[in-house]
Amino acid sequence: MKNIAYSCNDNYVPQTGISMISLFENNRNVEDIHVYFIEKNVSSSSIEELEKIASSYNRKFTVISFDVLCSKLRIDSTGRHIATVYAKLFFSGITGVDKILYLDSDTIINDSLEELFQINIDDCLLAEVETFSAKARLALGMKSDDLFFNDGVTLLNLKKMRELNMEDSFIEFIAKYDGHPPLLSEGTISAVCRGKILSLHPKYNLLSGILSFSQKTMSHIYGRPFYSPSIIKEAIENPVIIHFLSAFYNRPWCKKCTHPYKDKFLHYKSLSVWRDLPLEDKDIAFRVKVIKTLYSCFPDDWFEFLRKIKSTLKSSL
């Protein structure tokens, strides 16, 4: 049985449903798929639409209340994110499941997940794709050479997480930051599970930044070598899972999206009950536009340029 989990509120149901369609379309060869949907304030009509999608592909679908599963969670603020990003920290509470793949709602599955599920994570707590963040490591008290991960696609070893009682470790860590740890669940996982996370090939979570930046820039931001050029090339050309983070591109459900794989999202949207849902008018933030312009003009030196400006401003205060 291949166990998959999504978690969101009512606002992200269309994206979740579209992601599910891409999952089922590209994994018809997988005999058994069971989707667990962790919901927070999702209407019965929205849940019914997701159930219909699973049923149309003859897949199992189970709904779990976020407030019940994550009843011990105490958070102060999630910023622009929704509380359900923390759901994956509590998946060990899902009975009868020892291994599960968590997918953010803003993902499109572009190929079979068979190979991903065959990866051995018996000696790890989970497996994720690295992301190039240096500031977050410092904020979390991590070392400069520690790996840092994006948790939008996470393969979890729930058996080992139960054995080590990781749920309590996560709760304690969040409390240490008064309910607002740096980078929320992503920072919590990278810090608490440090040394016990298997680094996945980036084709399993093609981040927008990997498409945007050069190898030099990614390694510069990360503060350590990032994935090799050949691995990055393979991920870009043959992604298994595309993660539509806004970055320089905006989201594919927005009119002004320039993501090179936006048509993948629009294709699966056209197969869904949300096919006629209008695209949103939202644009990327002004700050991001400035960085994008600087990077386009100075692709190899923009990061150092910004850092010098920041240092100059600090010294003048």
Protein backbone atom coordinates (compact mmCIF):
# COMPACT_ATOMS: atom_id res chain seq x y z
CA MET A 1 0.00 0.00 0.00
CA LYS A 2 1.32 3.44 -0.97
CA ASN A 3 0.18 5.95 1.65
CA ILE A 4 -0.01 9.63 0.62
CA ALA A 5 -0.96 12.59 2.82
CA TYR A 6 -2.20 16.09 2.07
CA SER A 7 -3.12 18.73 4.63
CA CYS A 8 -4.88 22.06 4.11
CA ASN A 9 -7.82 24.32 4.93
CA ASP A 10 -10.77 25.09 2.65
CA ASN A 11 -8.83 27.71 0.66
CA TYR A 12 -6.43 25.16 -0.79
CA VAL A 13 -8.90 22.42 -1.69
CA PRO A 14 -8.76 23.15 -5.47
CA GLN A 15 -4.96 22.88 -5.48
CA THR A 16 -5.15 19.69 -3.41
CA GLY A 17 -7.68 18.15 -5.76
CA ILE A 18 -5.66 19.08 -8.84
CA SER A 19 -2.53 17.61 -7.26
CA MET A 20 -4.44 14.41 -6.48
CA ILE A 21 -5.53 14.11 -10.10
CA SER A 22 -1.90 14.41 -11.26
CA LEU A 23 -0.96 11.78 -8.67
CA PHE A 24 -3.58 9.31 -9.84
CA GLU A 25 -3.06 9.97 -13.56
CA ASN A 26 0.67 9.27 -13.37
CA ASN A 27 0.43 6.31 -11.00
CA ARG A 28 -2.19 4.14 -12.66
CA ASN A 29 0.34 1.28 -12.54
CA VAL A 30 0.43 1.44 -8.73
CA GLU A 31 -2.03 -1.12 -7.44
CA ASP A 32 -2.95 0.40 -4.07
CA ILE A 33 -2.87 4.09 -3.14
CA HIS A 34 -4.43 5.40 0.05
CA VAL A 35 -4.74 9.17 0.43
CA TYR A 36 -5.04 10.61 3.93
CA PHE A 37 -6.47 14.11 3.95
CA ILE A 38 -5.80 16.11 7.11
CA GLU A 39 -8.36 18.89 7.09
CA LYS A 40 -8.79 22.07 9.06
CA ASN A 41 -12.13 23.83 8.69
CA VAL A 42 -12.81 22.24 5.31
CA SER A 43 -16.46 22.23 4.28
CA SER A 44 -18.33 18.97 3.73
CA SER A 45 -18.91 19.91 0.08
CA SER A 46 -15.16 20.37 -0.49
CA ILE A 47 -14.39 17.04 1.16
CA GLU A 48 -17.03 15.44 -1.05
CA GLU A 49 -15.28 16.77 -4.18
CA LEU A 50 -11.96 15.25 -3.06
CA GLU A 51 -13.67 11.96 -2.24
CA LYS A 52 -15.18 11.91 -5.75
CA ILE A 53 -11.72 12.32 -7.29
CA ALA A 54 -10.31 9.40 -5.28
CA SER A 55 -13.34 7.26 -6.03
CA SER A 56 -13.15 7.95 -9.78
CA TYR A 57 -9.66 6.42 -9.79
CA ASN A 58 -10.68 3.62 -7.42
CA ARG A 59 -8.39 4.90 -4.67
CA LYS A 60 -8.89 4.90 -0.90
CA PHE A 61 -9.50 8.23 0.79
CA THR A 62 -9.52 8.90 4.54
CA VAL A 63 -10.29 12.22 6.22
CA ILE A 64 -8.58 13.10 9.51
CA SER A 65 -9.25 16.21 11.57
CA PHE A 66 -6.18 18.42 11.98
CA ASP A 67 -7.42 19.61 15.35
CA VAL A 68 -7.67 16.02 16.59
CA LEU A 69 -4.42 14.72 15.10
CA CYS A 70 -2.47 17.80 16.23
CA SER A 71 -4.29 18.43 19.50
CA LYS A 72 -1.01 18.88 21.40
CA LEU A 73 0.28 21.55 19.03
CA ARG A 74 0.68 25.01 20.55
CA ILE A 75 1.66 27.68 18.05
CA ASP A 76 1.76 31.45 18.26
CA SER A 77 1.92 32.57 14.64
CA THR A 78 2.30 31.04 11.18
CA GLY A 79 2.69 34.30 9.23
CA ARG A 80 1.43 33.92 5.65
CA HIS A 81 1.26 30.14 6.04
CA ILE A 82 -1.60 28.04 7.37
CA ALA A 83 -1.40 25.96 10.55
CA THR A 84 -1.71 22.71 8.63
CA VAL A 85 1.96 22.91 7.61
CA TYR A 86 2.61 21.37 11.04
CA ALA A 87 0.42 18.32 10.39
CA LYS A 88 3.31 16.14 9.17
CA LEU A 89 4.96 16.39 12.59
CA PHE A 90 2.08 14.36 14.00
CA PHE A 91 1.66 11.65 11.37
CA SER A 92 2.95 9.04 13.82
CA GLY A 93 -0.55 9.31 15.31
CA ILE A 94 -2.06 7.76 12.16
CA THR A 95 -2.68 4.18 13.23
CA GLY A 96 -1.67 1.25 11.04
CA VAL A 97 0.68 3.28 8.83
CA ASP A 98 4.48 2.91 9.06
CA LYS A 99 5.54 4.86 5.97
CA ILE A 100 3.81 7.79 4.31
CA LEU A 101 4.57 10.42 1.68
CA TYR A 102 3.45 13.95 2.49
CA LEU A 103 2.75 16.30 -0.44
CA ASP A 104 2.07 20.03 -0.28
CA SER A 105 -1.09 21.08 -2.08
CA ASP A 106 0.96 23.21 -4.52
CA THR A 107 2.62 20.17 -6.11
CA ILE A 108 2.05 18.37 -9.38
CA ILE A 109 3.11 14.73 -9.68
CA ASN A 110 4.69 14.37 -13.10
CA ASP A 111 5.70 10.71 -13.08
CA SER A 112 5.36 7.42 -11.20
CA LEU A 113 6.23 7.44 -7.49
CA GLU A 114 7.20 3.76 -7.44
CA GLU A 115 10.94 4.51 -7.38
CA LEU A 116 10.53 7.04 -4.56
CA PHE A 117 8.63 4.58 -2.40
CA GLN A 118 11.31 1.95 -2.95
CA ILE A 119 13.99 4.15 -1.36
CA ASN A 120 15.12 2.58 1.90
CA ILE A 121 14.62 4.94 4.85
CA ASP A 122 14.74 2.28 7.59
CA ASP A 123 17.73 3.99 9.26
CA CYS A 124 16.32 7.53 8.86
CA LEU A 125 13.39 9.41 10.31
CA LEU A 126 12.43 10.88 6.96
CA ALA A 127 13.68 11.83 3.51
CA GLU A 128 13.49 15.27 1.88
CA VAL A 129 15.12 17.44 -0.77
CA GLU A 130 17.68 20.00 0.39
CA THR A 131 16.95 23.68 0.00
CA PHE A 132 19.53 26.44 -0.02
CA SER A 133 18.98 28.42 3.17
CA ALA A 134 21.83 29.77 5.28
CA LYS A 135 20.00 32.28 7.49
CA ALA A 136 17.53 29.67 8.70
CA ARG A 137 20.31 27.42 9.95
CA LEU A 138 21.78 30.25 12.01
CA ALA A 139 18.38 31.20 13.44
CA LEU A 140 17.83 27.57 14.47
CA GLY A 141 21.22 27.23 16.14
CA MET A 142 22.43 24.78 13.50
CA LYS A 143 25.99 24.56 12.18
CA SER A 144 26.93 26.20 8.90
CA ASP A 145 27.60 22.84 7.28
CA ASP A 146 24.35 21.22 8.44
CA LEU A 147 21.93 20.21 5.71
CA PHE A 148 18.66 22.12 5.47
CA PHE A 149 15.54 20.69 3.86
CA ASN A 150 12.29 21.72 2.23
CA ASP A 151 9.37 19.84 3.79
CA GLY A 152 6.87 20.28 0.95
CA VAL A 153 7.60 16.71 -0.10
CA THR A 154 8.46 14.43 2.82
CA LEU A 155 8.76 10.66 2.99
CA LEU A 156 8.28 9.73 6.65
CA ASN A 157 9.37 6.63 8.56
CA LEU A 158 6.50 6.63 11.06
CA LYS A 159 7.63 3.38 12.69
CA LYS A 160 10.95 4.89 13.72
CA MET A 161 9.32 8.20 14.67
CA ARG A 162 7.07 6.32 17.09
CA GLU A 163 10.00 4.38 18.53
CA LEU A 164 11.90 7.61 19.24
CA ASN A 165 8.78 9.49 20.38
CA MET A 166 9.52 12.28 17.92
CA GLU A 167 6.16 13.94 18.44
CA ASP A 168 7.21 15.06 21.93
CA SER A 169 10.57 16.26 20.58
CA PHE A 170 8.77 18.42 18.01
CA ILE A 171 6.42 19.83 20.65
CA GLU A 172 9.32 20.69 22.96
CA PHE A 173 11.22 22.39 20.16
CA ILE A 174 8.23 24.52 19.14
CA ALA A 175 7.67 25.51 22.79
CA LYS A 176 11.33 26.57 23.01
CA TYR A 177 10.51 29.25 20.43
CA ASP A 178 7.25 30.22 22.14
CA GLY A 179 5.17 28.64 19.42
CA HIS A 180 6.91 30.34 16.50
CA PRO A 181 10.06 28.46 15.44
CA PRO A 182 12.06 29.85 12.49
CA LEU A 183 10.59 28.53 9.22
CA LEU A 184 7.79 26.78 11.12
CA SER A 185 7.57 23.02 10.43
CA GLU A 186 10.46 23.13 7.95
CA GLY A 187 12.84 24.61 10.50
CA THR A 188 11.54 22.27 13.19
CA ILE A 189 12.19 19.17 11.10
CA SER A 190 15.63 20.28 9.89
CA ALA A 191 16.78 21.08 13.43
CA VAL A 192 15.16 18.30 15.47
CA CYS A 193 15.86 15.52 12.94
CA ARG A 194 19.35 16.75 12.09
CA GLY A 195 21.59 13.88 10.98
CA LYS A 196 18.61 11.56 10.55
CA ILE A 197 17.21 12.93 7.29
CA LEU A 198 18.00 11.23 3.99
CA SER A 199 18.74 13.72 1.21
CA LEU A 200 16.55 12.99 -1.83
CA HIS A 201 17.29 13.68 -5.48
CA PRO A 202 15.78 17.13 -6.30
CA LYS A 203 13.68 15.54 -9.07
CA TYR A 204 11.35 14.50 -6.24
CA ASN A 205 10.75 18.12 -5.23
CA LEU A 206 11.68 20.49 -8.05
CA LEU A 207 11.78 23.79 -6.20
CA SER A 208 11.23 27.05 -8.05
CA GLY A 209 14.60 28.35 -6.83
CA ILE A 210 16.38 25.50 -8.61
CA LEU A 211 14.84 26.73 -11.85
CA SER A 212 15.64 30.37 -11.09
CA PHE A 213 19.22 30.41 -9.87
CA SER A 214 22.61 29.34 -11.16
CA GLN A 215 24.62 26.60 -9.46
CA LYS A 216 27.01 29.24 -8.11
CA THR A 217 24.21 31.30 -6.59
CA MET A 218 22.51 28.31 -4.96
CA SER A 219 25.76 27.16 -3.35
CA HIS A 220 26.49 30.75 -2.30
CA ILE A 221 23.12 31.13 -0.58
CA TYR A 222 23.39 27.67 0.98
CA GLY A 223 26.85 28.37 2.34
CA ARG A 224 28.00 24.92 1.20
CA PRO A 225 28.01 22.91 -2.04
CA PHE A 226 24.50 22.26 -3.33
CA TYR A 227 23.52 19.37 -5.62
CA SER A 228 25.91 18.77 -8.54
CA PRO A 229 25.18 20.34 -11.94
CA SER A 230 24.35 16.93 -13.45
CA ILE A 231 21.82 16.18 -10.71
CA ILE A 232 20.25 19.64 -11.06
CA LYS A 233 20.05 19.15 -14.84
CA GLU A 234 18.27 15.82 -14.43
CA ALA A 235 15.80 17.30 -11.93
CA ILE A 236 14.92 20.18 -14.24
CA GLU A 237 14.56 18.03 -17.35
CA ASN A 238 12.77 15.07 -15.75
CA PRO A 239 10.99 16.15 -12.57
CA VAL A 240 8.90 13.56 -10.76
CA ILE A 241 7.28 16.14 -8.48
CA ILE A 242 7.05 19.84 -9.33
CA HIS A 243 6.65 22.15 -6.35
CA PHE A 244 5.11 25.48 -7.38
CA LEU A 245 6.64 27.83 -4.83
CA SER A 246 6.10 31.43 -5.88
CA ALA A 247 9.74 32.65 -6.06
CA PHE A 248 10.30 34.67 -9.26
CA TYR A 249 7.44 32.96 -11.07
CA ASN A 250 4.24 33.37 -9.05
CA ARG A 251 1.75 30.49 -8.72
CA PRO A 252 0.25 28.64 -11.70
CA TRP A 253 -3.28 29.47 -10.52
CA CYS A 254 -2.42 33.16 -11.03
CA LYS A 255 -2.69 34.98 -14.36
CA LYS A 256 0.82 36.42 -14.22
CA CYS A 257 2.58 33.13 -13.53
CA THR A 258 5.74 32.61 -15.62
CA HIS A 259 6.74 29.21 -14.20
CA PRO A 260 8.15 27.05 -17.03
CA TYR A 261 5.96 24.13 -15.94
CA LYS A 262 2.75 26.09 -15.36
CA ASP A 263 1.04 24.24 -18.24
CA LYS A 264 1.39 21.00 -16.27
CA PHE A 265 -0.78 22.49 -13.54
CA LEU A 266 -3.24 23.94 -16.04
CA HIS A 267 -3.56 20.57 -17.76
CA TYR A 268 -4.63 18.78 -14.58
CA LYS A 269 -6.82 21.74 -13.65
CA SER A 270 -8.63 21.18 -16.96
CA LEU A 271 -9.38 17.61 -15.87
CA SER A 272 -10.90 18.76 -12.59
CA VAL A 273 -14.20 20.15 -11.37
CA TRP A 274 -12.31 23.47 -10.97
CA ARG A 275 -11.56 23.69 -14.71
CA ASP A 276 -13.60 26.92 -15.02
CA LEU A 277 -12.29 28.52 -11.83
CA PRO A 278 -10.81 31.89 -12.91
CA LEU A 279 -7.09 32.43 -12.42
CA GLU A 280 -6.23 34.90 -9.67
CA ASP A 281 -4.92 38.42 -10.27
CA LYS A 282 -2.17 38.29 -7.60
CA ASP A 283 1.34 39.41 -8.49
CA ILE A 284 4.71 38.65 -6.87
CA ALA A 285 5.85 41.04 -4.14
CA PHE A 286 7.71 44.23 -5.08
CA ARG A 287 10.77 43.09 -3.10
CA VAL A 288 10.90 39.88 -5.14
CA LYS A 289 10.62 41.88 -8.36
CA VAL A 290 13.63 43.97 -7.33
CA ILE A 291 15.70 40.87 -6.54
CA LYS A 292 14.62 39.27 -9.82
CA THR A 293 15.73 42.38 -11.75
CA LEU A 294 19.08 42.48 -9.96
CA TYR A 295 19.64 38.81 -10.61
CA SER A 296 18.80 39.14 -14.30
CA CYS A 297 21.32 42.00 -14.61
CA PHE A 298 24.05 40.53 -12.39
CA PRO A 299 23.43 36.74 -12.31
CA ASP A 300 26.75 35.82 -10.68
CA ASP A 301 27.29 38.80 -8.38
CA TRP A 302 23.82 39.92 -7.23
CA PHE A 303 23.96 38.06 -3.89
CA GLU A 304 27.30 39.61 -2.92
CA PHE A 305 26.02 42.99 -4.13
CA LEU A 306 22.98 42.83 -1.86
CA ARG A 307 25.07 41.72 1.09
CA LYS A 308 27.43 44.68 0.66
CA ILE A 309 24.49 47.10 0.53
CA LYS A 310 23.04 45.58 3.70
CA SER A 311 26.41 45.80 5.47
CA THR A 312 26.84 49.45 4.41
CA LEU A 313 23.37 50.38 5.67
CA LYS A 314 24.03 48.71 9.03
CA SER A 315 27.36 50.47 9.53
CA SER A 316 25.79 53.86 8.76
CA LEU A 317 23.11 53.51 11.45
